[in-house]
């Protein structure tokens, strides 16, 4: 029995079809990530630049929020901007 593989995208395409016309695949996905399959197994995801930038921005926001929560309750340090 073959193992079942999760595909974490609404669209998927075989790697052979991707090789034939990658830009057609990207256009057809309308800005959404596409799972690239090899022998019906996801091997990588094609993520358009705008989607990738949104992912990175969200990760940065989550990291900053975690830092804020970590520092919450620490004593404040008075700083004079003119002395910097």
PDB file of N, CA and C in Angstrom:
ATOM      1  N   UNK A   1       0.838  -1.183   0.000  1.00  0.00           N
ATOM      2  CA  UNK A   1       0.000   0.000   0.000  1.00  0.00           C
ATOM      3  C   UNK A   1       0.884   1.249   0.000  1.00  0.00           C
ATOM      4  N   UNK A   2       0.551   2.223  -0.843  1.00  0.00           N
ATOM      5  CA  UNK A   2       1.301   3.478  -0.902  1.00  0.00           C
ATOM      6  C   UNK A   2       0.860   4.391   0.232  1.00  0.00           C
ATOM      7  N   UNK A   3       1.819   5.095   0.841  1.00  0.00           N
ATOM      8  CA  UNK A   3       1.436   6.045   1.885  1.00  0.00           C
ATOM      9  C   UNK A   3       0.661   7.219   1.286  1.00  0.00           C
ATOM     10  N   UNK A   4      -0.176   7.814   2.102  1.00  0.00           N
ATOM     11  CA  UNK A   4      -0.940   8.989   1.687  1.00  0.00           C
ATOM     12  C   UNK A   4      -0.120  10.228   2.009  1.00  0.00           C
ATOM     13  N   UNK A   5      -0.094  11.165   1.066  1.00  0.00           N
ATOM     14  CA  UNK A   5       0.680  12.397   1.243  1.00  0.00           C
ATOM     15  C   UNK A   5      -0.259  13.590   1.262  1.00  0.00           C
ATOM     16  N   UNK A   6      -0.082  14.460   2.230  1.00  0.00           N
ATOM     17  CA  UNK A   6      -0.861  15.693   2.286  1.00  0.00           C
ATOM     18  C   UNK A   6      -0.377  16.650   1.214  1.00  0.00           C
ATOM     19  N   UNK A   7      -1.300  17.312   0.591  1.00  0.00           N
ATOM     20  CA  UNK A   7      -0.986  18.356  -0.377  1.00  0.00           C
ATOM     21  C   UNK A   7      -1.526  19.655   0.212  1.00  0.00           C
ATOM     22  N   UNK A   8      -0.622  20.551   0.558  1.00  0.00           N
ATOM     23  CA  UNK A   8      -0.999  21.784   1.248  1.00  0.00           C
ATOM     24  C   UNK A   8      -1.189  22.944   0.283  1.00  0.00           C
ATOM     25  N   UNK A   9      -1.966  22.689  -0.751  1.00  0.00           N
ATOM     26  CA  UNK A   9      -2.301  23.723  -1.731  1.00  0.00           C
ATOM     27  C   UNK A   9      -3.610  23.318  -2.398  1.00  0.00           C
ATOM     28  N   UNK A  10      -4.333  24.305  -2.880  1.00  0.00           N
ATOM     29  CA  UNK A  10      -5.588  24.009  -3.576  1.00  0.00           C
ATOM     30  C   UNK A  10      -5.356  23.501  -4.991  1.00  0.00           C
ATOM     31  N   UNK A  11      -4.182  23.784  -5.538  1.00  0.00           N
ATOM     32  CA  UNK A  11      -3.858  23.357  -6.896  1.00  0.00           C
ATOM     33  C   UNK A  11      -2.603  22.501  -6.888  1.00  0.00           C
ATOM     34  N   UNK A  12      -2.559  21.554  -7.804  1.00  0.00           N
ATOM     35  CA  UNK A  12      -1.356  20.722  -7.934  1.00  0.00           C
ATOM     36  C   UNK A  12      -1.142  20.400  -9.408  1.00  0.00           C
ATOM     37  N   UNK A  13       0.094  20.113  -9.748  1.00  0.00           N
ATOM     38  CA  UNK A  13       0.446  19.788 -11.123  1.00  0.00           C
ATOM     39  C   UNK A  13       1.667  18.878 -11.100  1.00  0.00           C
ATOM     40  N   UNK A  14       1.757  18.009 -12.082  1.00  0.00           N
ATOM     41  CA  UNK A  14       2.922  17.142 -12.202  1.00  0.00           C
ATOM     42  C   UNK A  14       4.138  17.927 -12.638  1.00  0.00           C
ATOM     43  N   UNK A  15       5.282  17.451 -12.239  1.00  0.00           N
ATOM     44  CA  UNK A  15       6.522  18.160 -12.555  1.00  0.00           C
ATOM     45  C   UNK A  15       6.761  18.217 -14.060  1.00  0.00           C
ATOM     46  N   UNK A  16       6.315  17.207 -14.787  1.00  0.00           N
ATOM     47  CA  UNK A  16       6.461  17.216 -16.252  1.00  0.00           C
ATOM     48  C   UNK A  16       5.668  18.359 -16.873  1.00  0.00           C
ATOM     49  N   UNK A  17       4.440  18.580 -16.386  1.00  0.00           N
ATOM     50  CA  UNK A  17       3.633  19.693 -16.896  1.00  0.00           C
ATOM     51  C   UNK A  17       4.247  21.039 -16.527  1.00  0.00           C
ATOM     52  N   UNK A  18       4.818  21.115 -15.347  1.00  0.00           N
ATOM     53  CA  UNK A  18       5.488  22.352 -14.945  1.00  0.00           C
ATOM     54  C   UNK A  18       6.647  22.671 -15.873  1.00  0.00           C
ATOM     55  N   UNK A  19       7.418  21.655 -16.236  1.00  0.00           N
ATOM     56  CA  UNK A  19       8.566  21.860 -17.123  1.00  0.00           C
ATOM     57  C   UNK A  19       8.133  22.370 -18.494  1.00  0.00           C
ATOM     58  N   UNK A  20       6.970  21.912 -18.964  1.00  0.00           N
ATOM     59  CA  UNK A  20       6.498  22.301 -20.298  1.00  0.00           C
ATOM     60  C   UNK A  20       6.181  23.789 -20.388  1.00  0.00           C
ATOM     61  N   UNK A  21       5.520  24.324 -19.364  1.00  0.00           N
ATOM     62  CA  UNK A  21       5.125  25.725 -19.427  1.00  0.00           C
ATOM     63  C   UNK A  21       4.899  26.264 -18.015  1.00  0.00           C
ATOM     64  N   UNK A  22       5.983  26.604 -17.297  1.00  0.00           N
ATOM     65  CA  UNK A  22       5.844  27.037 -15.909  1.00  0.00           C
ATOM     66  C   UNK A  22       4.998  28.291 -15.734  1.00  0.00           C
ATOM     67  N   UNK A  23       5.105  29.250 -16.637  1.00  0.00           N
ATOM     68  CA  UNK A  23       4.342  30.490 -16.482  1.00  0.00           C
ATOM     69  C   UNK A  23       2.841  30.260 -16.674  1.00  0.00           C
ATOM     70  N   UNK A  24       2.457  29.296 -17.496  1.00  0.00           N
ATOM     71  CA  UNK A  24       1.038  28.971 -17.660  1.00  0.00           C
ATOM     72  C   UNK A  24       0.485  28.404 -16.353  1.00  0.00           C
ATOM     73  N   UNK A  25       1.275  27.615 -15.662  1.00  0.00           N
ATOM     74  CA  UNK A  25       0.853  27.047 -14.377  1.00  0.00           C
ATOM     75  C   UNK A  25       0.648  28.162 -13.366  1.00  0.00           C
ATOM     76  N   UNK A  26       1.595  29.080 -13.297  1.00  0.00           N
ATOM     77  CA  UNK A  26       1.500  30.207 -12.362  1.00  0.00           C
ATOM     78  C   UNK A  26       0.271  31.059 -12.688  1.00  0.00           C
ATOM     79  N   UNK A  27       0.064  31.344 -13.946  1.00  0.00           N
ATOM     80  CA  UNK A  27      -1.084  32.161 -14.363  1.00  0.00           C
ATOM     81  C   UNK A  27      -2.400  31.464 -14.018  1.00  0.00           C
ATOM     82  N   UNK A  28      -2.473  30.181 -14.291  1.00  0.00           N
ATOM     83  CA  UNK A  28      -3.696  29.419 -14.031  1.00  0.00           C
ATOM     84  C   UNK A  28      -4.021  29.370 -12.530  1.00  0.00           C
ATOM     85  N   UNK A  29      -3.000  29.391 -11.681  1.00  0.00           N
ATOM     86  CA  UNK A  29      -3.208  29.329 -10.222  1.00  0.00           C
ATOM     87  C   UNK A  29      -3.707  30.656  -9.654  1.00  0.00           C
ATOM     88  N   UNK A  30      -3.647  31.718 -10.445  1.00  0.00           N
ATOM     89  CA  UNK A  30      -4.161  33.033 -10.052  1.00  0.00           C
ATOM     90  C   UNK A  30      -3.610  33.540  -8.717  1.00  0.00           C
ATOM     91  N   UNK A  31      -2.298  33.407  -8.531  1.00  0.00           N
ATOM     92  CA  UNK A  31      -1.646  33.944  -7.338  1.00  0.00           C
ATOM     93  C   UNK A  31      -1.582  32.994  -6.155  1.00  0.00           C
ATOM     94  N   UNK A  32      -2.157  31.824  -6.279  1.00  0.00           N
ATOM     95  CA  UNK A  32      -2.132  30.849  -5.187  1.00  0.00           C
ATOM     96  C   UNK A  32      -0.945  29.893  -5.339  1.00  0.00           C
ATOM     97  N   UNK A  33      -0.470  29.334  -4.233  1.00  0.00           N
ATOM     98  CA  UNK A  33       0.596  28.338  -4.320  1.00  0.00           C
ATOM     99  C   UNK A  33       0.126  27.090  -5.078  1.00  0.00           C
ATOM    100  N   UNK A  34       1.075  26.423  -5.727  1.00  0.00           N
ATOM    101  CA  UNK A  34       0.789  25.199  -6.473  1.00  0.00           C
ATOM    102  C   UNK A  34       1.711  24.103  -5.961  1.00  0.00           C
ATOM    103  N   UNK A  35       1.143  22.965  -5.610  1.00  0.00           N
ATOM    104  CA  UNK A  35       1.953  21.810  -5.211  1.00  0.00           C
ATOM    105  C   UNK A  35       2.486  21.153  -6.483  1.00  0.00           C
ATOM    106  N   UNK A  36       3.779  20.932  -6.512  1.00  0.00           N
ATOM    107  CA  UNK A  36       4.402  20.269  -7.647  1.00  0.00           C
ATOM    108  C   UNK A  36       4.608  18.809  -7.257  1.00  0.00           C
ATOM    109  N   UNK A  37       4.053  17.915  -8.083  1.00  0.00           N
ATOM    110  CA  UNK A  37       4.058  16.493  -7.766  1.00  0.00           C
ATOM    111  C   UNK A  37       5.040  15.735  -8.642  1.00  0.00           C
ATOM    112  N   UNK A  38       5.663  14.739  -8.059  1.00  0.00           N
ATOM    113  CA  UNK A  38       6.493  13.782  -8.775  1.00  0.00           C
ATOM    114  C   UNK A  38       5.994  12.406  -8.361  1.00  0.00           C
ATOM    115  N   UNK A  39       5.448  11.691  -9.326  1.00  0.00           N
ATOM    116  CA  UNK A  39       4.844  10.377  -9.044  1.00  0.00           C
ATOM    117  C   UNK A  39       3.763  10.493  -7.969  1.00  0.00           C
ATOM    118  N   UNK A  40       2.935  11.516  -8.135  1.00  0.00           N
ATOM    119  CA  UNK A  40       1.797  11.777  -7.247  1.00  0.00           C
ATOM    120  C   UNK A  40       2.180  12.113  -5.809  1.00  0.00           C
ATOM    121  N   UNK A  41       3.422  12.513  -5.601  1.00  0.00           N
ATOM    122  CA  UNK A  41       3.874  12.946  -4.275  1.00  0.00           C
ATOM    123  C   UNK A  41       4.329  14.394  -4.372  1.00  0.00           C
ATOM    124  N   UNK A  42       3.908  15.242  -3.430  1.00  0.00           N
ATOM    125  CA  UNK A  42       4.389  16.625  -3.471  1.00  0.00           C
ATOM    126  C   UNK A  42       5.885  16.684  -3.194  1.00  0.00           C
ATOM    127  N   UNK A  43       6.606  17.365  -4.077  1.00  0.00           N
ATOM    128  CA  UNK A  43       8.059  17.491  -3.901  1.00  0.00           C
ATOM    129  C   UNK A  43       8.472  18.925  -3.591  1.00  0.00           C
ATOM    130  N   UNK A  44       7.661  19.891  -4.027  1.00  0.00           N
ATOM    131  CA  UNK A  44       7.881  21.272  -3.632  1.00  0.00           C
ATOM    132  C   UNK A  44       6.646  22.077  -3.994  1.00  0.00           C
ATOM    133  N   UNK A  45       6.634  23.319  -3.538  1.00  0.00           N
ATOM    134  CA  UNK A  45       5.519  24.217  -3.807  1.00  0.00           C
ATOM    135  C   UNK A  45       6.024  25.420  -4.576  1.00  0.00           C
ATOM    136  N   UNK A  46       5.315  25.764  -5.635  1.00  0.00           N
ATOM    137  CA  UNK A  46       5.610  26.982  -6.376  1.00  0.00           C
ATOM    138  C   UNK A  46       4.742  28.078  -5.758  1.00  0.00           C
ATOM    139  N   UNK A  47       5.398  29.054  -5.173  1.00  0.00           N
ATOM    140  CA  UNK A  47       4.684  30.123  -4.473  1.00  0.00           C
ATOM    141  C   UNK A  47       4.993  31.438  -5.187  1.00  0.00           C
ATOM    142  N   UNK A  48       3.965  32.111  -5.715  1.00  0.00           N
ATOM    143  CA  UNK A  48       4.206  33.386  -6.389  1.00  0.00           C
ATOM    144  C   UNK A  48       4.864  34.401  -5.446  1.00  0.00           C
ATOM    145  N   UNK A  49       5.594  35.329  -6.025  1.00  0.00           N
ATOM    146  CA  UNK A  49       6.359  36.302  -5.236  1.00  0.00           C
ATOM    147  C   UNK A  49       5.485  37.061  -4.245  1.00  0.00           C
ATOM    148  N   UNK A  50       4.313  37.508  -4.663  1.00  0.00           N
ATOM    149  CA  UNK A  50       3.452  38.276  -3.760  1.00  0.00           C
ATOM    150  C   UNK A  50       3.010  37.428  -2.569  1.00  0.00           C
ATOM    151  N   UNK A  51       2.693  36.166  -2.817  1.00  0.00           N
ATOM    152  CA  UNK A  51       2.287  35.268  -1.725  1.00  0.00           C
ATOM    153  C   UNK A  51       3.463  35.014  -0.789  1.00  0.00           C
ATOM    154  N   UNK A  52       4.653  34.827  -1.347  1.00  0.00           N
ATOM    155  CA  UNK A  52       5.848  34.590  -0.522  1.00  0.00           C
ATOM    156  C   UNK A  52       6.136  35.817   0.356  1.00  0.00           C
ATOM    157  N   UNK A  53       6.043  36.996  -0.219  1.00  0.00           N
ATOM    158  CA  UNK A  53       6.271  38.221   0.546  1.00  0.00           C
ATOM    159  C   UNK A  53       5.261  38.347   1.686  1.00  0.00           C
ATOM    160  N   UNK A  54       4.012  37.988   1.435  1.00  0.00           N
ATOM    161  CA  UNK A  54       2.984  38.033   2.483  1.00  0.00           C
ATOM    162  C   UNK A  54       3.306  37.040   3.596  1.00  0.00           C
ATOM    163  N   UNK A  55       3.786  35.860   3.231  1.00  0.00           N
ATOM    164  CA  UNK A  55       4.166  34.847   4.228  1.00  0.00           C
ATOM    165  C   UNK A  55       5.307  35.368   5.096  1.00  0.00           C
ATOM    166  N   UNK A  56       6.331  35.915   4.464  1.00  0.00           N
ATOM    167  CA  UNK A  56       7.487  36.434   5.202  1.00  0.00           C
ATOM    168  C   UNK A  56       7.070  37.578   6.115  1.00  0.00           C
ATOM    169  N   UNK A  57       6.230  38.479   5.635  1.00  0.00           N
ATOM    170  CA  UNK A  57       5.751  39.589   6.473  1.00  0.00           C
ATOM    171  C   UNK A  57       4.976  39.069   7.677  1.00  0.00           C
ATOM    172  N   UNK A  58       4.151  38.066   7.471  1.00  0.00           N
ATOM    173  CA  UNK A  58       3.374  37.484   8.576  1.00  0.00           C
ATOM    174  C   UNK A  58       4.305  36.836   9.600  1.00  0.00           C
ATOM    175  N   UNK A  59       5.318  36.121   9.141  1.00  0.00           N
ATOM    176  CA  UNK A  59       6.285  35.506  10.060  1.00  0.00           C
ATOM    177  C   UNK A  59       7.019  36.563  10.875  1.00  0.00           C
ATOM    178  N   UNK A  60       7.410  37.659  10.224  1.00  0.00           N
ATOM    179  CA  UNK A  60       8.081  38.741  10.947  1.00  0.00           C
ATOM    180  C   UNK A  60       7.160  39.335  12.001  1.00  0.00           C
ATOM    181  N   UNK A  61       5.885  39.515  11.653  1.00  0.00           N
ATOM    182  CA  UNK A  61       4.911  40.029  12.620  1.00  0.00           C
ATOM    183  C   UNK A  61       4.777  39.094  13.813  1.00  0.00           C
ATOM    184  N   UNK A  62       4.728  37.789  13.554  1.00  0.00           N
ATOM    185  CA  UNK A  62       4.609  36.810  14.640  1.00  0.00           C
ATOM    186  C   UNK A  62       5.843  36.828  15.540  1.00  0.00           C
ATOM    187  N   UNK A  63       7.029  36.969  14.940  1.00  0.00           N
ATOM    188  CA  UNK A  63       8.262  37.035  15.726  1.00  0.00           C
ATOM    189  C   UNK A  63       8.288  38.293  16.597  1.00  0.00           C
ATOM    190  N   UNK A  64       7.864  39.420  16.032  1.00  0.00           N
ATOM    191  CA  UNK A  64       7.829  40.666  16.812  1.00  0.00           C
ATOM    192  C   UNK A  64       6.807  40.574  17.939  1.00  0.00           C
ATOM    193  N   UNK A  65       5.662  39.973  17.678  1.00  0.00           N
ATOM    194  CA  UNK A  65       4.636  39.809  18.717  1.00  0.00           C
ATOM    195  C   UNK A  65       5.159  38.928  19.847  1.00  0.00           C
ATOM    196  N   UNK A  66       5.898  37.881  19.505  1.00  0.00           N
ATOM    197  CA  UNK A  66       6.471  37.007  20.528  1.00  0.00           C
ATOM    198  C   UNK A  66       7.492  37.772  21.369  1.00  0.00           C
ATOM    199  N   UNK A  67       8.282  38.623  20.729  1.00  0.00           N
ATOM    200  CA  UNK A  67       9.269  39.431  21.441  1.00  0.00           C
ATOM    201  C   UNK A  67       8.581  40.405  22.391  1.00  0.00           C
ATOM    202  N   UNK A  68       7.499  41.013  21.948  1.00  0.00           N
ATOM    203  CA  UNK A  68       6.742  41.935  22.801  1.00  0.00           C
ATOM    204  C   UNK A  68       6.200  41.198  24.016  1.00  0.00           C
ATOM    205  N   UNK A  69       5.604  40.017  23.789  1.00  0.00           N
ATOM    206  CA  UNK A  69       5.072  39.231  24.913  1.00  0.00           C
ATOM    207  C   UNK A  69       6.181  38.818  25.879  1.00  0.00           C
ATOM    208  N   UNK A  70       7.345  38.477  25.340  1.00  0.00           N
ATOM    209  CA  UNK A  70       8.481  38.067  26.173  1.00  0.00           C
ATOM    210  C   UNK A  70       8.957  39.215  27.061  1.00  0.00           C
ATOM    211  N   UNK A  71       8.929  40.434  26.514  1.00  0.00           N
ATOM    212  CA  UNK A  71       9.436  41.593  27.248  1.00  0.00           C
ATOM    213  C   UNK A  71       8.359  42.294  28.071  1.00  0.00           C
ATOM    214  N   UNK A  72       7.139  41.839  27.958  1.00  0.00           N
ATOM    215  CA  UNK A  72       6.044  42.453  28.696  1.00  0.00           C
ATOM    216  C   UNK A  72       6.322  42.351  30.198  1.00  0.00           C
ATOM    217  N   UNK A  73       6.133  43.441  30.893  1.00  0.00           N
ATOM    218  CA  UNK A  73       6.346  43.437  32.336  1.00  0.00           C
ATOM    219  C   UNK A  73       7.765  43.779  32.758  1.00  0.00           C
ATOM    220  N   UNK A  74       8.696  43.901  31.820  1.00  0.00           N
ATOM    221  CA  UNK A  74      10.057  44.298  32.172  1.00  0.00           C
ATOM    222  C   UNK A  74      10.060  45.764  32.593  1.00  0.00           C
ATOM    223  N   UNK A  75      11.014  46.112  33.404  1.00  0.00           N
ATOM    224  CA  UNK A  75      11.146  47.503  33.837  1.00  0.00           C
ATOM    225  C   UNK A  75      11.480  48.389  32.635  1.00  0.00           C
ATOM    226  N   UNK A  76      10.887  49.566  32.629  1.00  0.00           N
ATOM    227  CA  UNK A  76      11.156  50.505  31.545  1.00  0.00           C
ATOM    228  C   UNK A  76      12.450  51.253  31.824  1.00  0.00           C
ATOM    229  N   UNK A  77      13.133  51.618  30.773  1.00  0.00           N
ATOM    230  CA  UNK A  77      14.368  52.389  30.879  1.00  0.00           C
ATOM    231  C   UNK A  77      14.129  53.731  30.207  1.00  0.00           C
ATOM    232  N   UNK A  78      14.309  54.781  30.974  1.00  0.00           N
ATOM    233  CA  UNK A  78      14.134  56.132  30.428  1.00  0.00           C
ATOM    234  C   UNK A  78      15.300  56.446  29.503  1.00  0.00           C
ATOM    235  N   UNK A  79      15.008  56.992  28.343  1.00  0.00           N
ATOM    236  CA  UNK A  79      16.034  57.336  27.364  1.00  0.00           C
ATOM    237  C   UNK A  79      15.747  58.746  26.840  1.00  0.00           C
ATOM    238  N   UNK A  80      16.813  59.537  26.783  1.00  0.00           N
ATOM    239  CA  UNK A  80      16.705  60.859  26.203  1.00  0.00           C
ATOM    240  C   UNK A  80      17.204  60.758  24.763  1.00  0.00           C
ATOM    241  N   UNK A  81      16.332  61.034  23.810  1.00  0.00           N
ATOM    242  CA  UNK A  81      16.676  60.892  22.398  1.00  0.00           C
ATOM    243  C   UNK A  81      17.880  61.760  22.040  1.00  0.00           C
ATOM    244  N   UNK A  82      18.026  62.914  22.660  1.00  0.00           N
ATOM    245  CA  UNK A  82      19.136  63.800  22.357  1.00  0.00           C
ATOM    246  C   UNK A  82      20.474  63.226  22.798  1.00  0.00           C
ATOM    247  N   UNK A  83      20.458  62.279  23.729  1.00  0.00           N
ATOM    248  CA  UNK A  83      21.693  61.680  24.209  1.00  0.00           C
ATOM    249  C   UNK A  83      22.140  60.474  23.373  1.00  0.00           C
ATOM    250  N   UNK A  84      21.327  60.059  22.461  1.00  0.00           N
ATOM    251  CA  UNK A  84      21.668  58.877  21.623  1.00  0.00           C
ATOM    252  C   UNK A  84      22.643  59.204  20.554  1.00  0.00           C
TER     253      UNK A  84
END
